[in-house]
């Protein structure tokens, strides 16, 4: 499995830049929001925001998800690499709505208590 994943990463060649505005349109067009929520973090699918993996890893995941019974795979024919770059760029613009523990007074007191 690891060899396959590394091979997929080596084969995937996407532009490191993307058009976030177009990515938003594609996120809606391909109904990504149906599973990942409009914010990329509040649906029944995997949390996409904050995006913590590199673009190549994101593309490899979408092309060959580890649990295909939970997420369909999207080939380069179905979603071209340029579109994947745009979707990734859009996801990178979405804010993480979860506050940090330090910004919640009670949690901050618990974390800093002796």
PDB file of N, CA and C in Angstrom:
ATOM      1  N   UNK A   1       0.827  -1.190   0.000  1.00  0.00           N
ATOM      2  CA  UNK A   1       0.000   0.000   0.000  1.00  0.00           C
ATOM      3  C   UNK A   1       0.872   1.255   0.000  1.00  0.00           C
ATOM      4  N   UNK A   2       1.921   1.267   0.814  1.00  0.00           N
ATOM      5  CA  UNK A   2       2.799   2.428   0.874  1.00  0.00           C
ATOM      6  C   UNK A   2       3.473   2.666  -0.470  1.00  0.00           C
ATOM      7  N   UNK A   3       3.913   1.585  -1.135  1.00  0.00           N
ATOM      8  CA  UNK A   3       4.526   1.723  -2.452  1.00  0.00           C
ATOM      9  C   UNK A   3       3.541   2.345  -3.432  1.00  0.00           C
ATOM     10  N   UNK A   4       2.279   1.896  -3.379  1.00  0.00           N
ATOM     11  CA  UNK A   4       1.270   2.433  -4.275  1.00  0.00           C
ATOM     12  C   UNK A   4       1.055   3.915  -4.008  1.00  0.00           C
ATOM     13  N   UNK A   5       0.961   4.285  -2.735  1.00  0.00           N
ATOM     14  CA  UNK A   5       0.760   5.687  -2.356  1.00  0.00           C
ATOM     15  C   UNK A   5       1.920   6.545  -2.839  1.00  0.00           C
ATOM     16  N   UNK A   6       3.140   6.071  -2.667  1.00  0.00           N
ATOM     17  CA  UNK A   6       4.304   6.824  -3.129  1.00  0.00           C
ATOM     18  C   UNK A   6       4.314   6.934  -4.647  1.00  0.00           C
ATOM     19  N   UNK A   7       3.897   5.872  -5.312  1.00  0.00           N
ATOM     20  CA  UNK A   7       3.817   5.911  -6.767  1.00  0.00           C
ATOM     21  C   UNK A   7       2.785   6.938  -7.214  1.00  0.00           C
ATOM     22  N   UNK A   8       1.648   6.955  -6.548  1.00  0.00           N
ATOM     23  CA  UNK A   8       0.609   7.924  -6.892  1.00  0.00           C
ATOM     24  C   UNK A   8       1.131   9.336  -6.683  1.00  0.00           C
ATOM     25  N   UNK A   9       1.840   9.567  -5.599  1.00  0.00           N
ATOM     26  CA  UNK A   9       2.397  10.892  -5.348  1.00  0.00           C
ATOM     27  C   UNK A   9       3.407  11.278  -6.415  1.00  0.00           C
ATOM     28  N   UNK A  10       4.175  10.321  -6.869  1.00  0.00           N
ATOM     29  CA  UNK A  10       5.176  10.610  -7.893  1.00  0.00           C
ATOM     30  C   UNK A  10       4.521  10.906  -9.240  1.00  0.00           C
ATOM     31  N   UNK A  11       3.406  10.259  -9.521  1.00  0.00           N
ATOM     32  CA  UNK A  11       2.742  10.432 -10.806  1.00  0.00           C
ATOM     33  C   UNK A  11       1.908  11.706 -10.843  1.00  0.00           C
ATOM     34  N   UNK A  12       1.343  12.068  -9.696  1.00  0.00           N
ATOM     35  CA  UNK A  12       0.485  13.251  -9.653  1.00  0.00           C
ATOM     36  C   UNK A  12       1.341  14.497  -9.847  1.00  0.00           C
ATOM     37  N   UNK A  13       1.050  15.201 -10.906  1.00  0.00           N
ATOM     38  CA  UNK A  13       1.751  16.458 -11.159  1.00  0.00           C
ATOM     39  C   UNK A  13       0.712  17.540 -11.325  1.00  0.00           C
ATOM     40  N   UNK A  14       0.578  18.333 -10.298  1.00  0.00           N
ATOM     41  CA  UNK A  14      -0.398  19.412 -10.338  1.00  0.00           C
ATOM     42  C   UNK A  14       0.318  20.720 -10.098  1.00  0.00           C
ATOM     43  N   UNK A  15      -0.284  21.761 -10.611  1.00  0.00           N
ATOM     44  CA  UNK A  15       0.255  23.092 -10.423  1.00  0.00           C
ATOM     45  C   UNK A  15       0.164  23.445  -8.940  1.00  0.00           C
ATOM     46  N   UNK A  16       1.245  23.910  -8.364  1.00  0.00           N
ATOM     47  CA  UNK A  16       1.264  24.242  -6.945  1.00  0.00           C
ATOM     48  C   UNK A  16       0.382  25.450  -6.652  1.00  0.00           C
ATOM     49  N   UNK A  17       0.047  26.220  -7.662  1.00  0.00           N
ATOM     50  CA  UNK A  17      -0.830  27.369  -7.497  1.00  0.00           C
ATOM     51  C   UNK A  17      -2.233  26.962  -7.926  1.00  0.00           C
ATOM     52  N   UNK A  18      -3.198  27.657  -7.426  1.00  0.00           N
ATOM     53  CA  UNK A  18      -4.567  27.385  -7.835  1.00  0.00           C
ATOM     54  C   UNK A  18      -5.390  28.649  -7.735  1.00  0.00           C
ATOM     55  N   UNK A  19      -6.514  28.647  -8.367  1.00  0.00           N
ATOM     56  CA  UNK A  19      -7.431  29.773  -8.360  1.00  0.00           C
ATOM     57  C   UNK A  19      -8.516  29.481  -7.331  1.00  0.00           C
ATOM     58  N   UNK A  20      -8.443  30.126  -6.180  1.00  0.00           N
ATOM     59  CA  UNK A  20      -9.369  29.847  -5.084  1.00  0.00           C
ATOM     60  C   UNK A  20     -10.812  30.184  -5.453  1.00  0.00           C
ATOM     61  N   UNK A  21     -11.034  31.261  -6.205  1.00  0.00           N
ATOM     62  CA  UNK A  21     -12.394  31.633  -6.593  1.00  0.00           C
ATOM     63  C   UNK A  21     -13.010  30.547  -7.476  1.00  0.00           C
ATOM     64  N   UNK A  22     -12.223  30.041  -8.427  1.00  0.00           N
ATOM     65  CA  UNK A  22     -12.709  28.955  -9.269  1.00  0.00           C
ATOM     66  C   UNK A  22     -12.868  27.686  -8.439  1.00  0.00           C
ATOM     67  N   UNK A  23     -11.979  27.481  -7.474  1.00  0.00           N
ATOM     68  CA  UNK A  23     -12.067  26.318  -6.596  1.00  0.00           C
ATOM     69  C   UNK A  23     -13.367  26.298  -5.808  1.00  0.00           C
ATOM     70  N   UNK A  24     -13.838  27.473  -5.392  1.00  0.00           N
ATOM     71  CA  UNK A  24     -15.111  27.549  -4.673  1.00  0.00           C
ATOM     72  C   UNK A  24     -16.248  27.096  -5.584  1.00  0.00           C
ATOM     73  N   UNK A  25     -16.230  27.559  -6.829  1.00  0.00           N
ATOM     74  CA  UNK A  25     -17.253  27.142  -7.796  1.00  0.00           C
ATOM     75  C   UNK A  25     -17.231  25.627  -7.986  1.00  0.00           C
ATOM     76  N   UNK A  26     -16.025  25.066  -8.074  1.00  0.00           N
ATOM     77  CA  UNK A  26     -15.900  23.622  -8.267  1.00  0.00           C
ATOM     78  C   UNK A  26     -16.333  22.850  -7.034  1.00  0.00           C
ATOM     79  N   UNK A  27     -16.034  23.369  -5.855  1.00  0.00           N
ATOM     80  CA  UNK A  27     -16.440  22.740  -4.598  1.00  0.00           C
ATOM     81  C   UNK A  27     -17.959  22.587  -4.572  1.00  0.00           C
ATOM     82  N   UNK A  28     -18.643  23.592  -5.103  1.00  0.00           N
ATOM     83  CA  UNK A  28     -20.101  23.541  -5.190  1.00  0.00           C
ATOM     84  C   UNK A  28     -20.552  22.647  -6.345  1.00  0.00           C
ATOM     85  N   UNK A  29     -19.902  22.788  -7.503  1.00  0.00           N
ATOM     86  CA  UNK A  29     -20.270  22.017  -8.695  1.00  0.00           C
ATOM     87  C   UNK A  29     -20.184  20.512  -8.442  1.00  0.00           C
ATOM     88  N   UNK A  30     -19.088  20.070  -7.825  1.00  0.00           N
ATOM     89  CA  UNK A  30     -18.883  18.645  -7.577  1.00  0.00           C
ATOM     90  C   UNK A  30     -19.566  18.172  -6.296  1.00  0.00           C
ATOM     91  N   UNK A  31     -20.319  19.058  -5.649  1.00  0.00           N
ATOM     92  CA  UNK A  31     -21.074  18.758  -4.422  1.00  0.00           C
ATOM     93  C   UNK A  31     -20.195  18.284  -3.270  1.00  0.00           C
ATOM     94  N   UNK A  32     -18.983  18.806  -3.196  1.00  0.00           N
ATOM     95  CA  UNK A  32     -18.093  18.454  -2.086  1.00  0.00           C
ATOM     96  C   UNK A  32     -18.739  18.836  -0.749  1.00  0.00           C
ATOM     97  N   UNK A  33     -19.490  19.942  -0.772  1.00  0.00           N
ATOM     98  CA  UNK A  33     -20.145  20.443   0.427  1.00  0.00           C
ATOM     99  C   UNK A  33     -21.136  19.442   1.014  1.00  0.00           C
ATOM    100  N   UNK A  34     -21.664  18.535   0.179  1.00  0.00           N
ATOM    101  CA  UNK A  34     -22.661  17.587   0.657  1.00  0.00           C
ATOM    102  C   UNK A  34     -22.108  16.708   1.778  1.00  0.00           C
ATOM    103  N   UNK A  35     -20.825  16.392   1.707  1.00  0.00           N
ATOM    104  CA  UNK A  35     -20.200  15.562   2.745  1.00  0.00           C
ATOM    105  C   UNK A  35     -19.289  16.349   3.675  1.00  0.00           C
ATOM    106  N   UNK A  36     -18.688  17.414   3.164  1.00  0.00           N
ATOM    107  CA  UNK A  36     -17.694  18.140   3.947  1.00  0.00           C
ATOM    108  C   UNK A  36     -18.211  19.465   4.481  1.00  0.00           C
ATOM    109  N   UNK A  37     -19.467  19.788   4.199  1.00  0.00           N
ATOM    110  CA  UNK A  37     -20.058  21.034   4.658  1.00  0.00           C
ATOM    111  C   UNK A  37     -19.557  22.210   3.843  1.00  0.00           C
ATOM    112  N   UNK A  38     -20.282  23.307   3.898  1.00  0.00           N
ATOM    113  CA  UNK A  38     -19.887  24.488   3.140  1.00  0.00           C
ATOM    114  C   UNK A  38     -18.585  25.088   3.668  1.00  0.00           C
ATOM    115  N   UNK A  39     -18.288  24.830   4.929  1.00  0.00           N
ATOM    116  CA  UNK A  39     -17.053  25.358   5.513  1.00  0.00           C
ATOM    117  C   UNK A  39     -15.906  24.362   5.421  1.00  0.00           C
ATOM    118  N   UNK A  40     -16.168  23.178   4.870  1.00  0.00           N
ATOM    119  CA  UNK A  40     -15.126  22.160   4.749  1.00  0.00           C
ATOM    120  C   UNK A  40     -14.825  21.448   6.053  1.00  0.00           C
ATOM    121  N   UNK A  41     -15.679  21.661   7.052  1.00  0.00           N
ATOM    122  CA  UNK A  41     -15.369  21.073   8.359  1.00  0.00           C
ATOM    123  C   UNK A  41     -16.596  20.662   9.170  1.00  0.00           C
ATOM    124  N   UNK A  42     -17.775  20.728   8.593  1.00  0.00           N
ATOM    125  CA  UNK A  42     -18.940  20.437   9.437  1.00  0.00           C
ATOM    126  C   UNK A  42     -19.937  19.468   8.806  1.00  0.00           C
ATOM    127  N   UNK A  43     -19.478  18.589   7.952  1.00  0.00           N
ATOM    128  CA  UNK A  43     -20.364  17.593   7.367  1.00  0.00           C
ATOM    129  C   UNK A  43     -20.000  16.207   7.861  1.00  0.00           C
ATOM    130  N   UNK A  44     -20.692  15.200   7.353  1.00  0.00           N
ATOM    131  CA  UNK A  44     -20.391  13.835   7.778  1.00  0.00           C
ATOM    132  C   UNK A  44     -19.080  13.287   7.205  1.00  0.00           C
ATOM    133  N   UNK A  45     -18.526  13.943   6.192  1.00  0.00           N
ATOM    134  CA  UNK A  45     -17.262  13.498   5.601  1.00  0.00           C
ATOM    135  C   UNK A  45     -16.067  13.985   6.408  1.00  0.00           C
ATOM    136  N   UNK A  46     -14.891  13.649   5.936  1.00  0.00           N
ATOM    137  CA  UNK A  46     -13.652  14.049   6.615  1.00  0.00           C
ATOM    138  C   UNK A  46     -13.556  15.567   6.724  1.00  0.00           C
ATOM    139  N   UNK A  47     -12.972  16.022   7.788  1.00  0.00           N
ATOM    140  CA  UNK A  47     -12.763  17.451   7.996  1.00  0.00           C
ATOM    141  C   UNK A  47     -11.613  17.901   7.081  1.00  0.00           C
ATOM    142  N   UNK A  48     -11.875  18.887   6.243  1.00  0.00           N
ATOM    143  CA  UNK A  48     -10.886  19.375   5.286  1.00  0.00           C
ATOM    144  C   UNK A  48     -10.210  20.667   5.738  1.00  0.00           C
ATOM    145  N   UNK A  49     -10.783  21.317   6.733  1.00  0.00           N
ATOM    146  CA  UNK A  49     -10.257  22.593   7.208  1.00  0.00           C
ATOM    147  C   UNK A  49      -9.968  22.466   8.686  1.00  0.00           C
ATOM    148  N   UNK A  50      -8.796  22.846   9.146  1.00  0.00           N
ATOM    149  CA  UNK A  50      -7.706  23.391   8.349  1.00  0.00           C
ATOM    150  C   UNK A  50      -7.021  22.295   7.533  1.00  0.00           C
ATOM    151  N   UNK A  51      -6.661  22.629   6.308  1.00  0.00           N
ATOM    152  CA  UNK A  51      -5.998  21.680   5.411  1.00  0.00           C
ATOM    153  C   UNK A  51      -4.568  21.503   5.896  1.00  0.00           C
ATOM    154  N   UNK A  52      -4.268  20.298   6.338  1.00  0.00           N
ATOM    155  CA  UNK A  52      -2.954  20.041   6.935  1.00  0.00           C
ATOM    156  C   UNK A  52      -2.044  19.200   6.055  1.00  0.00           C
ATOM    157  N   UNK A  53      -2.528  18.761   4.895  1.00  0.00           N
ATOM    158  CA  UNK A  53      -1.673  17.963   4.022  1.00  0.00           C
ATOM    159  C   UNK A  53      -1.296  18.778   2.791  1.00  0.00           C
ATOM    160  N   UNK A  54      -0.200  18.399   2.186  1.00  0.00           N
ATOM    161  CA  UNK A  54       0.266  19.071   0.977  1.00  0.00           C
ATOM    162  C   UNK A  54      -0.679  18.779  -0.179  1.00  0.00           C
ATOM    163  N   UNK A  55      -0.609  19.602  -1.184  1.00  0.00           N
ATOM    164  CA  UNK A  55      -1.502  19.470  -2.333  1.00  0.00           C
ATOM    165  C   UNK A  55      -1.390  18.093  -2.982  1.00  0.00           C
ATOM    166  N   UNK A  56      -0.194  17.588  -3.150  1.00  0.00           N
ATOM    167  CA  UNK A  56      -0.016  16.269  -3.775  1.00  0.00           C
ATOM    168  C   UNK A  56      -0.696  15.184  -2.953  1.00  0.00           C
ATOM    169  N   UNK A  57      -0.615  15.273  -1.642  1.00  0.00           N
ATOM    170  CA  UNK A  57      -1.285  14.301  -0.778  1.00  0.00           C
ATOM    171  C   UNK A  57      -2.800  14.411  -0.868  1.00  0.00           C
ATOM    172  N   UNK A  58      -3.297  15.636  -0.948  1.00  0.00           N
ATOM    173  CA  UNK A  58      -4.735  15.868  -1.104  1.00  0.00           C
ATOM    174  C   UNK A  58      -5.240  15.242  -2.403  1.00  0.00           C
ATOM    175  N   UNK A  59      -4.533  15.502  -3.488  1.00  0.00           N
ATOM    176  CA  UNK A  59      -4.924  14.963  -4.793  1.00  0.00           C
ATOM    177  C   UNK A  59      -4.882  13.431  -4.763  1.00  0.00           C
ATOM    178  N   UNK A  60      -3.834  12.867  -4.196  1.00  0.00           N
ATOM    179  CA  UNK A  60      -3.726  11.410  -4.110  1.00  0.00           C
ATOM    180  C   UNK A  60      -4.875  10.819  -3.304  1.00  0.00           C
ATOM    181  N   UNK A  61      -5.265  11.500  -2.237  1.00  0.00           N
ATOM    182  CA  UNK A  61      -6.369  11.040  -1.396  1.00  0.00           C
ATOM    183  C   UNK A  61      -7.678  11.044  -2.175  1.00  0.00           C
ATOM    184  N   UNK A  62      -7.934  12.120  -2.931  1.00  0.00           N
ATOM    185  CA  UNK A  62      -9.174  12.223  -3.699  1.00  0.00           C
ATOM    186  C   UNK A  62      -9.189  11.213  -4.840  1.00  0.00           C
ATOM    187  N   UNK A  63      -8.036  10.991  -5.443  1.00  0.00           N
ATOM    188  CA  UNK A  63      -7.961  10.037  -6.562  1.00  0.00           C
ATOM    189  C   UNK A  63      -8.134   8.591  -6.082  1.00  0.00           C
ATOM    190  N   UNK A  64      -7.648   8.292  -4.888  1.00  0.00           N
ATOM    191  CA  UNK A  64      -7.699   6.927  -4.364  1.00  0.00           C
ATOM    192  C   UNK A  64      -7.933   6.970  -2.854  1.00  0.00           C
ATOM    193  N   UNK A  65      -9.174   7.261  -2.428  1.00  0.00           N
ATOM    194  CA  UNK A  65      -9.439   7.358  -0.991  1.00  0.00           C
ATOM    195  C   UNK A  65      -9.204   6.033  -0.281  1.00  0.00           C
ATOM    196  N   UNK A  66      -8.710   6.087   0.946  1.00  0.00           N
ATOM    197  CA  UNK A  66      -8.412   4.849   1.673  1.00  0.00           C
ATOM    198  C   UNK A  66      -9.673   4.043   2.004  1.00  0.00           C
ATOM    199  N   UNK A  67     -10.808   4.709   2.114  1.00  0.00           N
ATOM    200  CA  UNK A  67     -12.068   4.023   2.394  1.00  0.00           C
ATOM    201  C   UNK A  67     -13.071   4.368   1.290  1.00  0.00           C
ATOM    202  N   UNK A  68     -12.957   3.692   0.139  1.00  0.00           N
ATOM    203  CA  UNK A  68     -13.813   4.043  -1.000  1.00  0.00           C
ATOM    204  C   UNK A  68     -15.300   3.857  -0.738  1.00  0.00           C
ATOM    205  N   UNK A  69     -15.663   3.084   0.275  1.00  0.00           N
ATOM    206  CA  UNK A  69     -17.083   2.928   0.581  1.00  0.00           C
ATOM    207  C   UNK A  69     -17.638   4.179   1.274  1.00  0.00           C
ATOM    208  N   UNK A  70     -16.745   5.072   1.723  1.00  0.00           N
ATOM    209  CA  UNK A  70     -17.192   6.311   2.355  1.00  0.00           C
ATOM    210  C   UNK A  70     -17.023   7.520   1.440  1.00  0.00           C
ATOM    211  N   UNK A  71     -16.086   7.454   0.512  1.00  0.00           N
ATOM    212  CA  UNK A  71     -15.877   8.545  -0.432  1.00  0.00           C
ATOM    213  C   UNK A  71     -15.542   7.955  -1.791  1.00  0.00           C
ATOM    214  N   UNK A  72     -16.239   8.430  -2.821  1.00  0.00           N
ATOM    215  CA  UNK A  72     -15.913   7.918  -4.159  1.00  0.00           C
ATOM    216  C   UNK A  72     -14.566   8.460  -4.620  1.00  0.00           C
ATOM    217  N   UNK A  73     -13.911   7.722  -5.494  1.00  0.00           N
ATOM    218  CA  UNK A  73     -12.654   8.218  -6.062  1.00  0.00           C
ATOM    219  C   UNK A  73     -12.990   9.085  -7.271  1.00  0.00           C
ATOM    220  N   UNK A  74     -12.161  10.080  -7.510  1.00  0.00           N
ATOM    221  CA  UNK A  74     -12.341  10.983  -8.643  1.00  0.00           C
ATOM    222  C   UNK A  74     -11.083  10.922  -9.494  1.00  0.00           C
ATOM    223  N   UNK A  75     -11.213  10.350 -10.680  1.00  0.00           N
ATOM    224  CA  UNK A  75     -10.067  10.222 -11.576  1.00  0.00           C
ATOM    225  C   UNK A  75      -9.723  11.581 -12.172  1.00  0.00           C
ATOM    226  N   UNK A  76      -8.559  11.656 -12.814  1.00  0.00           N
ATOM    227  CA  UNK A  76      -8.142  12.894 -13.475  1.00  0.00           C
ATOM    228  C   UNK A  76      -9.076  13.228 -14.632  1.00  0.00           C
ATOM    229  N   UNK A  77      -9.730  12.225 -15.169  1.00  0.00           N
ATOM    230  CA  UNK A  77     -10.694  12.470 -16.241  1.00  0.00           C
ATOM    231  C   UNK A  77     -11.955  13.132 -15.676  1.00  0.00           C
ATOM    232  N   UNK A  78     -12.377  12.708 -14.494  1.00  0.00           N
ATOM    233  CA  UNK A  78     -13.577  13.269 -13.864  1.00  0.00           C
ATOM    234  C   UNK A  78     -13.309  14.660 -13.301  1.00  0.00           C
ATOM    235  N   UNK A  79     -12.189  14.823 -12.609  1.00  0.00           N
ATOM    236  CA  UNK A  79     -11.791  16.110 -12.030  1.00  0.00           C
ATOM    237  C   UNK A  79     -10.341  16.342 -12.438  1.00  0.00           C
ATOM    238  N   UNK A  80     -10.122  17.159 -13.451  1.00  0.00           N
ATOM    239  CA  UNK A  80      -8.757  17.399 -13.940  1.00  0.00           C
ATOM    240  C   UNK A  80      -7.836  17.966 -12.852  1.00  0.00           C
ATOM    241  N   UNK A  81      -6.538  17.749 -13.022  1.00  0.00           N
ATOM    242  CA  UNK A  81      -5.555  18.215 -12.044  1.00  0.00           C
ATOM    243  C   UNK A  81      -5.652  19.713 -11.798  1.00  0.00           C
ATOM    244  N   UNK A  82      -5.925  20.493 -12.828  1.00  0.00           N
ATOM    245  CA  UNK A  82      -6.051  21.942 -12.652  1.00  0.00           C
ATOM    246  C   UNK A  82      -7.230  22.270 -11.731  1.00  0.00           C
ATOM    247  N   UNK A  83      -8.324  21.532 -11.862  1.00  0.00           N
ATOM    248  CA  UNK A  83      -9.473  21.733 -10.982  1.00  0.00           C
ATOM    249  C   UNK A  83      -9.127  21.331  -9.545  1.00  0.00           C
ATOM    250  N   UNK A  84      -8.362  20.248  -9.402  1.00  0.00           N
ATOM    251  CA  UNK A  84      -7.951  19.828  -8.060  1.00  0.00           C
ATOM    252  C   UNK A  84      -7.102  20.908  -7.401  1.00  0.00           C
ATOM    253  N   UNK A  85      -6.223  21.529  -8.177  1.00  0.00           N
ATOM    254  CA  UNK A  85      -5.385  22.611  -7.643  1.00  0.00           C
ATOM    255  C   UNK A  85      -6.247  23.777  -7.198  1.00  0.00           C
ATOM    256  N   UNK A  86      -7.287  24.077  -7.956  1.00  0.00           N
ATOM    257  CA  UNK A  86      -8.180  25.172  -7.592  1.00  0.00           C
ATOM    258  C   UNK A  86      -8.980  24.850  -6.334  1.00  0.00           C
ATOM    259  N   UNK A  87      -9.480  23.630  -6.224  1.00  0.00           N
ATOM    260  CA  UNK A  87     -10.224  23.224  -5.025  1.00  0.00           C
ATOM    261  C   UNK A  87      -9.313  23.285  -3.807  1.00  0.00           C
ATOM    262  N   UNK A  88      -8.090  22.806  -3.965  1.00  0.00           N
ATOM    263  CA  UNK A  88      -7.124  22.851  -2.854  1.00  0.00           C
ATOM    264  C   UNK A  88      -6.861  24.303  -2.442  1.00  0.00           C
ATOM    265  N   UNK A  89      -6.680  25.174  -3.419  1.00  0.00           N
ATOM    266  CA  UNK A  89      -6.436  26.590  -3.120  1.00  0.00           C
ATOM    267  C   UNK A  89      -7.625  27.182  -2.371  1.00  0.00           C
ATOM    268  N   UNK A  90      -8.824  26.812  -2.763  1.00  0.00           N
ATOM    269  CA  UNK A  90     -10.019  27.301  -2.070  1.00  0.00           C
ATOM    270  C   UNK A  90     -10.054  26.808  -0.629  1.00  0.00           C
ATOM    271  N   UNK A  91      -9.791  25.526  -0.431  1.00  0.00           N
ATOM    272  CA  UNK A  91      -9.809  24.976   0.931  1.00  0.00           C
ATOM    273  C   UNK A  91      -8.789  25.670   1.827  1.00  0.00           C
ATOM    274  N   UNK A  92      -7.659  26.042   1.247  1.00  0.00           N
ATOM    275  CA  UNK A  92      -6.620  26.725   2.037  1.00  0.00           C
ATOM    276  C   UNK A  92      -7.068  28.123   2.477  1.00  0.00           C
ATOM    277  N   UNK A  93      -8.078  28.697   1.806  1.00  0.00           N
ATOM    278  CA  UNK A  93      -8.553  30.031   2.192  1.00  0.00           C
ATOM    279  C   UNK A  93      -9.606  29.983   3.284  1.00  0.00           C
ATOM    280  N   UNK A  94     -10.178  28.812   3.540  1.00  0.00           N
ATOM    281  CA  UNK A  94     -11.253  28.721   4.527  1.00  0.00           C
ATOM    282  C   UNK A  94     -10.698  28.793   5.945  1.00  0.00           C
ATOM    283  N   UNK A  95     -11.324  29.614   6.791  1.00  0.00           N
ATOM    284  CA  UNK A  95     -10.829  29.753   8.168  1.00  0.00           C
ATOM    285  C   UNK A  95     -11.223  28.552   9.023  1.00  0.00           C
ATOM    286  N   UNK A  96     -10.395  28.273   9.991  1.00  0.00           N
ATOM    287  CA  UNK A  96     -10.694  27.232  10.970  1.00  0.00           C
ATOM    288  C   UNK A  96     -11.607  27.872  12.015  1.00  0.00           C
ATOM    289  N   UNK A  97     -12.814  27.374  12.126  1.00  0.00           N
ATOM    290  CA  UNK A  97     -13.770  27.995  13.038  1.00  0.00           C
ATOM    291  C   UNK A  97     -13.601  27.542  14.482  1.00  0.00           C
ATOM    292  N   UNK A  98     -12.855  26.483  14.698  1.00  0.00           N
ATOM    293  CA  UNK A  98     -12.664  25.996  16.060  1.00  0.00           C
ATOM    294  C   UNK A  98     -11.717  26.922  16.820  1.00  0.00           C
ATOM    295  N   UNK A  99     -12.167  27.463  17.931  1.00  0.00           N
ATOM    296  CA  UNK A  99     -11.281  28.343  18.696  1.00  0.00           C
ATOM    297  C   UNK A  99     -10.178  27.530  19.365  1.00  0.00           C
ATOM    298  N   UNK A 100      -9.066  28.178  19.583  1.00  0.00           N
ATOM    299  CA  UNK A 100      -7.994  27.502  20.305  1.00  0.00           C
ATOM    300  C   UNK A 100      -8.370  27.454  21.777  1.00  0.00           C
ATOM    301  N   UNK A 101      -7.837  26.484  22.478  1.00  0.00           N
ATOM    302  CA  UNK A 101      -8.144  26.339  23.901  1.00  0.00           C
ATOM    303  C   UNK A 101      -7.743  27.596  24.677  1.00  0.00           C
ATOM    304  N   UNK A 102      -6.688  28.247  24.239  1.00  0.00           N
ATOM    305  CA  UNK A 102      -6.228  29.451  24.935  1.00  0.00           C
ATOM    306  C   UNK A 102      -7.198  30.612  24.803  1.00  0.00           C
ATOM    307  N   UNK A 103      -8.050  30.598  23.771  1.00  0.00           N
ATOM    308  CA  UNK A 103      -8.998  31.694  23.590  1.00  0.00           C
ATOM    309  C   UNK A 103     -10.290  31.490  24.388  1.00  0.00           C
ATOM    310  N   UNK A 104     -10.472  30.316  25.003  1.00  0.00           N
ATOM    311  CA  UNK A 104     -11.647  30.045  25.831  1.00  0.00           C
ATOM    312  C   UNK A 104     -11.188  30.143  27.289  1.00  0.00           C
ATOM    313  N   UNK A 105     -11.668  31.163  28.016  1.00  0.00           N
ATOM    314  CA  UNK A 105     -11.153  31.416  29.374  1.00  0.00           C
ATOM    315  C   UNK A 105     -11.148  30.197  30.293  1.00  0.00           C
ATOM    316  N   UNK A 106     -12.248  29.448  30.348  1.00  0.00           N
ATOM    317  CA  UNK A 106     -12.308  28.301  31.254  1.00  0.00           C
ATOM    318  C   UNK A 106     -11.288  27.228  30.854  1.00  0.00           C
ATOM    319  N   UNK A 107     -11.179  26.941  29.568  1.00  0.00           N
ATOM    320  CA  UNK A 107     -10.189  25.961  29.119  1.00  0.00           C
ATOM    321  C   UNK A 107      -8.774  26.455  29.397  1.00  0.00           C
ATOM    322  N   UNK A 108      -8.550  27.736  29.208  1.00  0.00           N
ATOM    323  CA  UNK A 108      -7.239  28.303  29.483  1.00  0.00           C
ATOM    324  C   UNK A 108      -6.883  28.148  30.961  1.00  0.00           C
ATOM    325  N   UNK A 109      -7.864  28.355  31.847  1.00  0.00           N
ATOM    326  CA  UNK A 109      -7.618  28.178  33.289  1.00  0.00           C
ATOM    327  C   UNK A 109      -7.275  26.726  33.595  1.00  0.00           C
ATOM    328  N   UNK A 110      -7.975  25.805  32.970  1.00  0.00           N
ATOM    329  CA  UNK A 110      -7.719  24.382  33.208  1.00  0.00           C
ATOM    330  C   UNK A 110      -6.330  23.998  32.705  1.00  0.00           C
ATOM    331  N   UNK A 111      -5.961  24.523  31.542  1.00  0.00           N
ATOM    332  CA  UNK A 111      -4.663  24.181  30.973  1.00  0.00           C
ATOM    333  C   UNK A 111      -3.499  24.788  31.753  1.00  0.00           C
ATOM    334  N   UNK A 112      -3.714  25.927  32.359  1.00  0.00           N
ATOM    335  CA  UNK A 112      -2.633  26.596  33.068  1.00  0.00           C
ATOM    336  C   UNK A 112      -2.660  26.353  34.564  1.00  0.00           C
ATOM    337  N   UNK A 113      -3.648  25.596  35.047  1.00  0.00           N
ATOM    338  CA  UNK A 113      -3.731  25.298  36.481  1.00  0.00           C
ATOM    339  C   UNK A 113      -2.555  24.421  36.904  1.00  0.00           C
ATOM    340  N   UNK A 114      -2.037  24.679  38.105  1.00  0.00           N
ATOM    341  CA  UNK A 114      -0.900  23.861  38.587  1.00  0.00           C
ATOM    342  C   UNK A 114      -1.258  22.430  38.897  1.00  0.00           C
TER     343      UNK A 114
END
